Full PDB file with SEQRES, HELIX, SHEET, SSBOND, CRYST1, ORIGX, SCALE, CONECT and MASTER records, all heavy atoms in Angstrom:
SEQRES   1 A   33  GLN GLY ARG ALA ALA PHE THR VAL ASP PHE THR VAL ASP          
SEQRES   2 A   33  GLY GLU TYR TRP LEU MET ALA ALA HIS PRO GLU ALA ARG          
SEQRES   3 A   33  ILE GLY GLY THR GLN PRO ASP                                  
SHEET    1 AA1 2 LEU A  18  ALA A  20  0                                        
SHEET    2 AA1 2 GLY A  28  THR A  30 -1                                        
CRYST1    1.000    1.000    1.000  90.00  90.00  90.00 P 1           1          
ORIGX1      1.000000  0.000000  0.000000        0.00000                         
ORIGX2      0.000000  1.000000  0.000000        0.00000                         
ORIGX3      0.000000  0.000000  1.000000        0.00000                         
SCALE1      1.000000  0.000000  0.000000        0.00000                         
SCALE2      0.000000  1.000000  0.000000        0.00000                         
SCALE3      0.000000  0.000000  1.000000        0.00000                         
ATOM      1  N   GLN A   1       0.818  -1.215  -0.006  1.00  0.00           N  
ATOM      2  CA  GLN A   1      -0.008   0.000  -0.011  1.00  0.00           C  
ATOM      3  C   GLN A   1       0.851   1.282  -0.002  1.00  0.00           C  
ATOM      4  O   GLN A   1       0.352   2.386   0.150  1.00  0.00           O  
ATOM      5  CB  GLN A   1      -0.926   0.031   1.213  1.00  0.00           C  
ATOM      6  CG  GLN A   1      -2.060  -1.017   1.183  1.00  0.00           C  
ATOM      7  CD  GLN A   1      -1.559  -2.371   1.530  1.00  0.00           C  
ATOM      8  OE1 GLN A   1      -0.739  -2.567   2.377  1.00  0.00           O  
ATOM      9  NE2 GLN A   1      -2.112  -3.357   0.831  1.00  0.00           N  
ATOM     10  N   GLY A   2       2.197   1.120  -0.164  1.00  0.00           N  
ATOM     11  CA  GLY A   2       3.057   2.274  -0.200  1.00  0.00           C  
ATOM     12  C   GLY A   2       3.344   2.862   1.177  1.00  0.00           C  
ATOM     13  O   GLY A   2       3.716   4.020   1.293  1.00  0.00           O  
ATOM     14  N   ARG A   3       3.210   2.043   2.246  1.00  0.00           N  
ATOM     15  CA  ARG A   3       3.337   2.539   3.578  1.00  0.00           C  
ATOM     16  C   ARG A   3       4.485   1.837   4.324  1.00  0.00           C  
ATOM     17  O   ARG A   3       4.804   0.678   4.050  1.00  0.00           O  
ATOM     18  CB  ARG A   3       2.036   2.284   4.380  1.00  0.00           C  
ATOM     19  CG  ARG A   3       0.894   3.040   3.782  1.00  0.00           C  
ATOM     20  CD  ARG A   3      -0.404   2.746   4.569  1.00  0.00           C  
ATOM     21  NE  ARG A   3      -1.531   3.370   3.888  1.00  0.00           N  
ATOM     22  CZ  ARG A   3      -2.696   2.813   3.954  1.00  0.00           C  
ATOM     23  NH1 ARG A   3      -2.961   1.739   4.639  1.00  0.00           N  
ATOM     24  NH2 ARG A   3      -3.701   3.420   3.305  1.00  0.00           N  
ATOM     25  N   ALA A   4       5.058   2.539   5.295  1.00  0.00           N  
ATOM     26  CA  ALA A   4       6.068   1.961   6.162  1.00  0.00           C  
ATOM     27  C   ALA A   4       6.172   2.779   7.435  1.00  0.00           C  
ATOM     28  O   ALA A   4       5.866   3.981   7.434  1.00  0.00           O  
ATOM     29  CB  ALA A   4       7.421   1.956   5.435  1.00  0.00           C  
ATOM     30  N   ALA A   5       6.612   2.166   8.487  1.00  0.00           N  
ATOM     31  CA  ALA A   5       6.957   2.899   9.724  1.00  0.00           C  
ATOM     32  C   ALA A   5       8.453   3.162   9.650  1.00  0.00           C  
ATOM     33  O   ALA A   5       9.239   2.321   9.176  1.00  0.00           O  
ATOM     34  CB  ALA A   5       6.634   2.049  10.950  1.00  0.00           C  
ATOM     35  N   PHE A   6       8.845   4.347  10.078  1.00  0.00           N  
ATOM     36  CA  PHE A   6      10.276   4.715  10.038  1.00  0.00           C  
ATOM     37  C   PHE A   6      10.612   5.526  11.290  1.00  0.00           C  
ATOM     38  O   PHE A   6       9.910   6.467  11.621  1.00  0.00           O  
ATOM     39  CB  PHE A   6      10.555   5.567   8.802  1.00  0.00           C  
ATOM     40  CG  PHE A   6      12.033   5.680   8.496  1.00  0.00           C  
ATOM     41  CD1 PHE A   6      12.635   4.856   7.544  1.00  0.00           C  
ATOM     42  CD2 PHE A   6      12.850   6.596   9.181  1.00  0.00           C  
ATOM     43  CE1 PHE A   6      13.969   4.958   7.267  1.00  0.00           C  
ATOM     44  CE2 PHE A   6      14.228   6.658   8.940  1.00  0.00           C  
ATOM     45  CZ  PHE A   6      14.788   5.841   7.972  1.00  0.00           C  
ATOM     46  N   THR A   7      11.656   5.066  11.961  1.00  0.00           N  
ATOM     47  CA  THR A   7      12.094   5.791  13.154  1.00  0.00           C  
ATOM     48  C   THR A   7      13.245   6.681  12.824  1.00  0.00           C  
ATOM     49  O   THR A   7      14.303   6.234  12.379  1.00  0.00           O  
ATOM     50  CB  THR A   7      12.507   4.764  14.279  1.00  0.00           C  
ATOM     51  OG1 THR A   7      11.424   3.911  14.564  1.00  0.00           O  
ATOM     52  CG2 THR A   7      12.951   5.494  15.545  1.00  0.00           C  
ATOM     53  N   VAL A   8      13.044   7.990  12.970  1.00  0.00           N  
ATOM     54  CA  VAL A   8      14.005   9.018  12.640  1.00  0.00           C  
ATOM     55  C   VAL A   8      14.905   9.284  13.818  1.00  0.00           C  
ATOM     56  O   VAL A   8      14.434   9.420  14.953  1.00  0.00           O  
ATOM     57  CB  VAL A   8      13.285  10.336  12.203  1.00  0.00           C  
ATOM     58  CG1 VAL A   8      14.288  11.450  11.948  1.00  0.00           C  
ATOM     59  CG2 VAL A   8      12.450  10.073  10.979  1.00  0.00           C  
ATOM     60  N   ASP A   9      16.199   9.365  13.560  1.00  0.00           N  
ATOM     61  CA  ASP A   9      17.226   9.624  14.577  1.00  0.00           C  
ATOM     62  C   ASP A   9      17.472  11.118  14.621  1.00  0.00           C  
ATOM     63  O   ASP A   9      17.948  11.723  13.621  1.00  0.00           O  
ATOM     64  CB  ASP A   9      18.519   8.883  14.194  1.00  0.00           C  
ATOM     65  CG  ASP A   9      19.637   9.122  15.164  1.00  0.00           C  
ATOM     66  OD1 ASP A   9      19.548   9.944  16.125  1.00  0.00           O  
ATOM     67  OD2 ASP A   9      20.710   8.465  14.947  1.00  0.00           O  
ATOM     68  N   PHE A  10      17.164  11.793  15.735  1.00  0.00           N  
ATOM     69  CA  PHE A  10      17.333  13.239  15.848  1.00  0.00           C  
ATOM     70  C   PHE A  10      18.667  13.578  16.529  1.00  0.00           C  
ATOM     71  O   PHE A  10      18.852  14.755  16.901  1.00  0.00           O  
ATOM     72  CB  PHE A  10      16.194  13.858  16.611  1.00  0.00           C  
ATOM     73  CG  PHE A  10      14.890  13.833  15.841  1.00  0.00           C  
ATOM     74  CD1 PHE A  10      13.825  13.074  16.208  1.00  0.00           C  
ATOM     75  CD2 PHE A  10      14.756  14.605  14.694  1.00  0.00           C  
ATOM     76  CE1 PHE A  10      12.662  13.043  15.488  1.00  0.00           C  
ATOM     77  CE2 PHE A  10      13.572  14.610  13.949  1.00  0.00           C  
ATOM     78  CZ  PHE A  10      12.541  13.810  14.352  1.00  0.00           C  
ATOM     79  N   THR A  11      19.592  12.655  16.575  1.00  0.00           N  
ATOM     80  CA  THR A  11      20.916  12.965  17.099  1.00  0.00           C  
ATOM     81  C   THR A  11      21.950  13.254  16.038  1.00  0.00           C  
ATOM     82  O   THR A  11      23.059  13.596  16.327  1.00  0.00           O  
ATOM     83  CB  THR A  11      21.426  11.815  18.029  1.00  0.00           C  
ATOM     84  OG1 THR A  11      21.651  10.637  17.229  1.00  0.00           O  
ATOM     85  CG2 THR A  11      20.456  11.518  19.150  1.00  0.00           C  
ATOM     86  N   VAL A  12      21.579  13.079  14.765  1.00  0.00           N  
ATOM     87  CA  VAL A  12      22.508  13.309  13.663  1.00  0.00           C  
ATOM     88  C   VAL A  12      22.747  14.812  13.513  1.00  0.00           C  
ATOM     89  O   VAL A  12      21.910  15.633  13.869  1.00  0.00           O  
ATOM     90  CB  VAL A  12      22.047  12.738  12.296  1.00  0.00           C  
ATOM     91  CG1 VAL A  12      21.918  11.186  12.382  1.00  0.00           C  
ATOM     92  CG2 VAL A  12      20.715  13.365  11.876  1.00  0.00           C  
ATOM     93  N   ASP A  13      23.922  15.168  13.026  1.00  0.00           N  
ATOM     94  CA  ASP A  13      24.252  16.595  12.794  1.00  0.00           C  
ATOM     95  C   ASP A  13      23.511  17.101  11.552  1.00  0.00           C  
ATOM     96  O   ASP A  13      23.331  16.353  10.580  1.00  0.00           O  
ATOM     97  CB  ASP A  13      25.779  16.751  12.569  1.00  0.00           C  
ATOM     98  CG  ASP A  13      26.529  16.565  13.837  1.00  0.00           C  
ATOM     99  OD1 ASP A  13      25.968  16.761  14.939  1.00  0.00           O  
ATOM    100  OD2 ASP A  13      27.735  16.180  13.787  1.00  0.00           O  
ATOM    101  N   GLY A  14      23.116  18.299  11.569  1.00  0.00           N  
ATOM    102  CA  GLY A  14      22.497  18.928  10.394  1.00  0.00           C  
ATOM    103  C   GLY A  14      20.974  18.826  10.402  1.00  0.00           C  
ATOM    104  O   GLY A  14      20.365  18.516  11.438  1.00  0.00           O  
ATOM    105  N   GLU A  15      20.372  18.967   9.250  1.00  0.00           N  
ATOM    106  CA  GLU A  15      18.941  18.913   9.103  1.00  0.00           C  
ATOM    107  C   GLU A  15      18.471  17.494   9.118  1.00  0.00           C  
ATOM    108  O   GLU A  15      19.197  16.554   8.763  1.00  0.00           O  
ATOM    109  CB  GLU A  15      18.497  19.588   7.823  1.00  0.00           C  
ATOM    110  CG  GLU A  15      18.801  21.074   7.786  1.00  0.00           C  
ATOM    111  CD  GLU A  15      18.363  21.731   6.489  1.00  0.00           C  
ATOM    112  OE1 GLU A  15      18.030  21.050   5.493  1.00  0.00           O  
ATOM    113  OE2 GLU A  15      18.371  22.971   6.464  1.00  0.00           O  
ATOM    114  N   TYR A  16      17.219  17.276   9.520  1.00  0.00           N  
ATOM    115  CA  TYR A  16      16.627  15.930   9.541  1.00  0.00           C  
ATOM    116  C   TYR A  16      15.747  15.774   8.305  1.00  0.00           C  
ATOM    117  O   TYR A  16      14.814  16.541   8.054  1.00  0.00           O  
ATOM    118  CB  TYR A  16      15.747  15.793  10.802  1.00  0.00           C  
ATOM    119  CG  TYR A  16      16.446  16.231  12.042  1.00  0.00           C  
ATOM    120  CD1 TYR A  16      16.040  17.348  12.742  1.00  0.00           C  
ATOM    121  CD2 TYR A  16      17.612  15.568  12.474  1.00  0.00           C  
ATOM    122  CE1 TYR A  16      16.653  17.743  13.900  1.00  0.00           C  
ATOM    123  CE2 TYR A  16      18.264  16.017  13.614  1.00  0.00           C  
ATOM    124  CZ  TYR A  16      17.805  17.078  14.333  1.00  0.00           C  
ATOM    125  OH  TYR A  16      18.443  17.512  15.445  1.00  0.00           O  
ATOM    126  N   TRP A  17      16.066  14.736   7.521  1.00  0.00           N  
ATOM    127  CA  TRP A  17      15.308  14.455   6.296  1.00  0.00           C  
ATOM    128  C   TRP A  17      14.976  12.959   6.239  1.00  0.00           C  
ATOM    129  O   TRP A  17      15.698  12.129   6.781  1.00  0.00           O  
ATOM    130  CB  TRP A  17      16.137  14.776   5.014  1.00  0.00           C  
ATOM    131  CG  TRP A  17      16.162  16.230   4.724  1.00  0.00           C  
ATOM    132  CD1 TRP A  17      17.038  17.153   5.162  1.00  0.00           C  
ATOM    133  CD2 TRP A  17      15.235  16.935   3.889  1.00  0.00           C  
ATOM    134  NE1 TRP A  17      16.755  18.395   4.720  1.00  0.00           N  
ATOM    135  CE2 TRP A  17      15.609  18.283   3.905  1.00  0.00           C  
ATOM    136  CE3 TRP A  17      14.124  16.558   3.178  1.00  0.00           C  
ATOM    137  CZ2 TRP A  17      14.932  19.255   3.197  1.00  0.00           C  
ATOM    138  CZ3 TRP A  17      13.430  17.507   2.442  1.00  0.00           C  
ATOM    139  CH2 TRP A  17      13.850  18.839   2.431  1.00  0.00           C  
ATOM    140  N   LEU A  18      13.896  12.673   5.572  1.00  0.00           N  
ATOM    141  CA  LEU A  18      13.499  11.309   5.298  1.00  0.00           C  
ATOM    142  C   LEU A  18      13.350  11.233   3.781  1.00  0.00           C  
ATOM    143  O   LEU A  18      12.562  12.035   3.223  1.00  0.00           O  
ATOM    144  CB  LEU A  18      12.188  10.969   5.985  1.00  0.00           C  
ATOM    145  CG  LEU A  18      11.649   9.550   5.815  1.00  0.00           C  
ATOM    146  CD1 LEU A  18      12.656   8.520   6.246  1.00  0.00           C  
ATOM    147  CD2 LEU A  18      10.348   9.393   6.576  1.00  0.00           C  
ATOM    148  N   MET A  19      14.097  10.400   3.113  1.00  0.00           N  
ATOM    149  CA  MET A  19      14.133  10.328   1.655  1.00  0.00           C  
ATOM    150  C   MET A  19      13.512   9.053   1.155  1.00  0.00           C  
ATOM    151  O   MET A  19      13.594   8.011   1.752  1.00  0.00           O  
ATOM    152  CB  MET A  19      15.596  10.415   1.187  1.00  0.00           C  
ATOM    153  CG  MET A  19      16.381  11.580   1.752  1.00  0.00           C  
ATOM    154  SD  MET A  19      15.653  13.220   1.408  1.00  0.00           S  
ATOM    155  CE  MET A  19      15.772  13.355  -0.331  1.00  0.00           C  
ATOM    156  N   ALA A  20      12.899   9.162  -0.041  1.00  0.00           N  
ATOM    157  CA  ALA A  20      12.293   8.003  -0.726  1.00  0.00           C  
ATOM    158  C   ALA A  20      12.905   7.880  -2.126  1.00  0.00           C  
ATOM    159  O   ALA A  20      13.036   8.870  -2.865  1.00  0.00           O  
ATOM    160  CB  ALA A  20      10.770   8.212  -0.849  1.00  0.00           C  
ATOM    161  N   ALA A  21      13.305   6.649  -2.448  1.00  0.00           N  
ATOM    162  CA  ALA A  21      13.916   6.409  -3.764  1.00  0.00           C  
ATOM    163  C   ALA A  21      13.200   5.254  -4.498  1.00  0.00           C  
ATOM    164  O   ALA A  21      12.957   4.187  -3.934  1.00  0.00           O  
ATOM    165  CB  ALA A  21      15.382   6.029  -3.590  1.00  0.00           C  
ATOM    166  N   HIS A  22      12.859   5.531  -5.759  1.00  0.00           N  
ATOM    167  CA  HIS A  22      12.211   4.549  -6.607  1.00  0.00           C  
ATOM    168  C   HIS A  22      12.973   4.570  -7.926  1.00  0.00           C  
ATOM    169  O   HIS A  22      13.372   5.652  -8.408  1.00  0.00           O  
ATOM    170  CB  HIS A  22      10.749   4.940  -6.807  1.00  0.00           C  
ATOM    171  CG  HIS A  22       9.952   3.914  -7.567  1.00  0.00           C  
ATOM    172  ND1 HIS A  22      10.012   3.865  -8.952  1.00  0.00           N  
ATOM    173  CD2 HIS A  22       9.084   3.002  -7.161  1.00  0.00           C  
ATOM    174  CE1 HIS A  22       9.190   2.871  -9.348  1.00  0.00           C  
ATOM    175  NE2 HIS A  22       8.642   2.348  -8.278  1.00  0.00           N  
ATOM    176  N   PRO A  23      13.193   3.412  -8.548  1.00  0.00           N  
ATOM    177  CA  PRO A  23      14.003   3.365  -9.755  1.00  0.00           C  
ATOM    178  C   PRO A  23      13.469   4.110 -10.963  1.00  0.00           C  
ATOM    179  O   PRO A  23      14.149   4.387 -11.903  1.00  0.00           O  
ATOM    180  CB  PRO A  23      14.169   1.877 -10.088  1.00  0.00           C  
ATOM    181  CG  PRO A  23      13.071   1.194  -9.323  1.00  0.00           C  
ATOM    182  CD  PRO A  23      12.750   2.068  -8.121  1.00  0.00           C  
ATOM    183  N   GLU A  24      12.141   4.460 -10.941  1.00  0.00           N  
ATOM    184  CA  GLU A  24      11.503   5.143 -12.064  1.00  0.00           C  
ATOM    185  C   GLU A  24      11.211   6.602 -11.734  1.00  0.00           C  
ATOM    186  O   GLU A  24      10.513   7.274 -12.530  1.00  0.00           O  
ATOM    187  CB  GLU A  24      10.237   4.422 -12.445  1.00  0.00           C  
ATOM    188  CG  GLU A  24      10.491   3.037 -12.967  1.00  0.00           C  
ATOM    189  CD  GLU A  24       9.172   2.306 -13.274  1.00  0.00           C  
ATOM    190  OE1 GLU A  24       8.144   2.976 -13.420  1.00  0.00           O  
ATOM    191  OE2 GLU A  24       9.176   1.050 -13.391  1.00  0.00           O  
ATOM    192  N   ALA A  25      11.722   7.140 -10.649  1.00  0.00           N  
ATOM    193  CA  ALA A  25      11.447   8.490 -10.278  1.00  0.00           C  
ATOM    194  C   ALA A  25      12.635   9.174  -9.623  1.00  0.00           C  
ATOM    195  O   ALA A  25      13.566   8.495  -9.163  1.00  0.00           O  
ATOM    196  CB  ALA A  25      10.278   8.497  -9.242  1.00  0.00           C  
ATOM    197  N   ARG A  26      12.599  10.477  -9.605  1.00  0.00           N  
ATOM    198  CA  ARG A  26      13.633  11.225  -8.892  1.00  0.00           C  
ATOM    199  C   ARG A  26      13.387  11.052  -7.403  1.00  0.00           C  
ATOM    200  O   ARG A  26      12.267  10.817  -6.933  1.00  0.00           O  
ATOM    201  CB  ARG A  26      13.540  12.720  -9.202  1.00  0.00           C  
ATOM    202  CG  ARG A  26      13.881  12.951 -10.679  1.00  0.00           C  
ATOM    203  CD  ARG A  26      14.075  14.416 -10.939  1.00  0.00           C  
ATOM    204  NE  ARG A  26      14.327  14.897 -12.287  1.00  0.00           N  
ATOM    205  CZ  ARG A  26      14.541  14.282 -13.399  1.00  0.00           C  
ATOM    206  NH1 ARG A  26      14.515  12.993 -13.442  1.00  0.00           N  
ATOM    207  NH2 ARG A  26      14.762  14.877 -14.548  1.00  0.00           N  
ATOM    208  N   ILE A  27      14.479  11.132  -6.630  1.00  0.00           N  
ATOM    209  CA  ILE A  27      14.387  10.949  -5.187  1.00  0.00           C  
ATOM    210  C   ILE A  27      13.587  12.134  -4.622  1.00  0.00           C  
ATOM    211  O   ILE A  27      13.711  13.284  -5.027  1.00  0.00           O  
ATOM    212  CB  ILE A  27      15.792  10.915  -4.570  1.00  0.00           C  
ATOM    213  CG1 ILE A  27      16.537   9.673  -5.070  1.00  0.00           C  
ATOM    214  CG2 ILE A  27      15.748  10.961  -3.046  1.00  0.00           C  
ATOM    215  CD1 ILE A  27      18.008   9.608  -4.676  1.00  0.00           C  
ATOM    216  N   GLY A  28      12.748  11.823  -3.657  1.00  0.00           N  
ATOM    217  CA  GLY A  28      11.929  12.848  -2.996  1.00  0.00           C  
ATOM    218  C   GLY A  28      12.126  12.695  -1.499  1.00  0.00           C  
ATOM    219  O   GLY A  28      12.648  11.713  -0.969  1.00  0.00           O  
ATOM    220  N   GLY A  29      11.691  13.709  -0.766  1.00  0.00           N  
ATOM    221  CA  GLY A  29      11.864  13.654   0.664  1.00  0.00           C  
ATOM    222  C   GLY A  29      10.986  14.613   1.391  1.00  0.00           C  
ATOM    223  O   GLY A  29      10.222  15.422   0.832  1.00  0.00           O  
ATOM    224  N   THR A  30      11.056  14.529   2.701  1.00  0.00           N  
ATOM    225  CA  THR A  30      10.311  15.411   3.610  1.00  0.00           C  
ATOM    226  C   THR A  30      11.118  15.594   4.869  1.00  0.00           C  
ATOM    227  O   THR A  30      11.949  14.773   5.215  1.00  0.00           O  
ATOM    228  CB  THR A  30       8.907  14.820   3.912  1.00  0.00           C  
ATOM    229  OG1 THR A  30       8.178  15.795   4.666  1.00  0.00           O  
ATOM    230  CG2 THR A  30       9.023  13.539   4.728  1.00  0.00           C  
ATOM    231  N   GLN A  31      10.893  16.726   5.549  1.00  0.00           N  
ATOM    232  CA  GLN A  31      11.549  17.005   6.816  1.00  0.00           C  
ATOM    233  C   GLN A  31      10.631  16.721   7.959  1.00  0.00           C  
ATOM    234  O   GLN A  31       9.633  17.425   8.153  1.00  0.00           O  
ATOM    235  CB  GLN A  31      11.997  18.452   6.889  1.00  0.00           C  
ATOM    236  CG  GLN A  31      13.173  18.782   6.009  1.00  0.00           C  
ATOM    237  CD  GLN A  31      13.708  20.169   6.259  1.00  0.00           C  
ATOM    238  OE1 GLN A  31      13.058  21.117   5.811  1.00  0.00           O  
ATOM    239  NE2 GLN A  31      14.834  20.256   6.860  1.00  0.00           N  
ATOM    240  N   PRO A  32      10.892  15.650   8.718  1.00  0.00           N  
ATOM    241  CA  PRO A  32       9.995  15.323   9.852  1.00  0.00           C  
ATOM    242  C   PRO A  32      10.195  16.328  10.954  1.00  0.00           C  
ATOM    243  O   PRO A  32      11.308  16.847  11.203  1.00  0.00           O  
ATOM    244  CB  PRO A  32      10.478  13.956  10.283  1.00  0.00           C  
ATOM    245  CG  PRO A  32      11.805  13.744   9.703  1.00  0.00           C  
ATOM    246  CD  PRO A  32      11.949  14.628   8.514  1.00  0.00           C  
ATOM    247  N   ASP A  33       9.119  16.684  11.613  1.00  0.00           N  
ATOM    248  CA  ASP A  33       9.147  17.652  12.741  1.00  0.00           C  
ATOM    249  C   ASP A  33       9.395  16.883  13.993  1.00  0.00           C  
ATOM    250  O   ASP A  33       8.556  16.056  14.424  1.00  0.00           O  
ATOM    251  CB  ASP A  33       7.807  18.390  12.784  1.00  0.00           C  
ATOM    252  CG  ASP A  33       7.741  19.390  13.877  1.00  0.00           C  
ATOM    253  OD1 ASP A  33       8.719  19.565  14.660  1.00  0.00           O  
ATOM    254  OD2 ASP A  33       6.686  20.041  14.014  1.00  0.00           O  
TER     255      ASP A  33                                                      
MASTER        0    0    0    0    2    0    0    6  254    1    0    3          
END                                                                             
């Protein structure tokens, strides 16, 4: 269904991003709050 649970690590340096990659599309992402 195009869904997943993802645990974001907020201890990394810099901005927090979650990226999605598909072989037929450009990579996309979002910034989790």
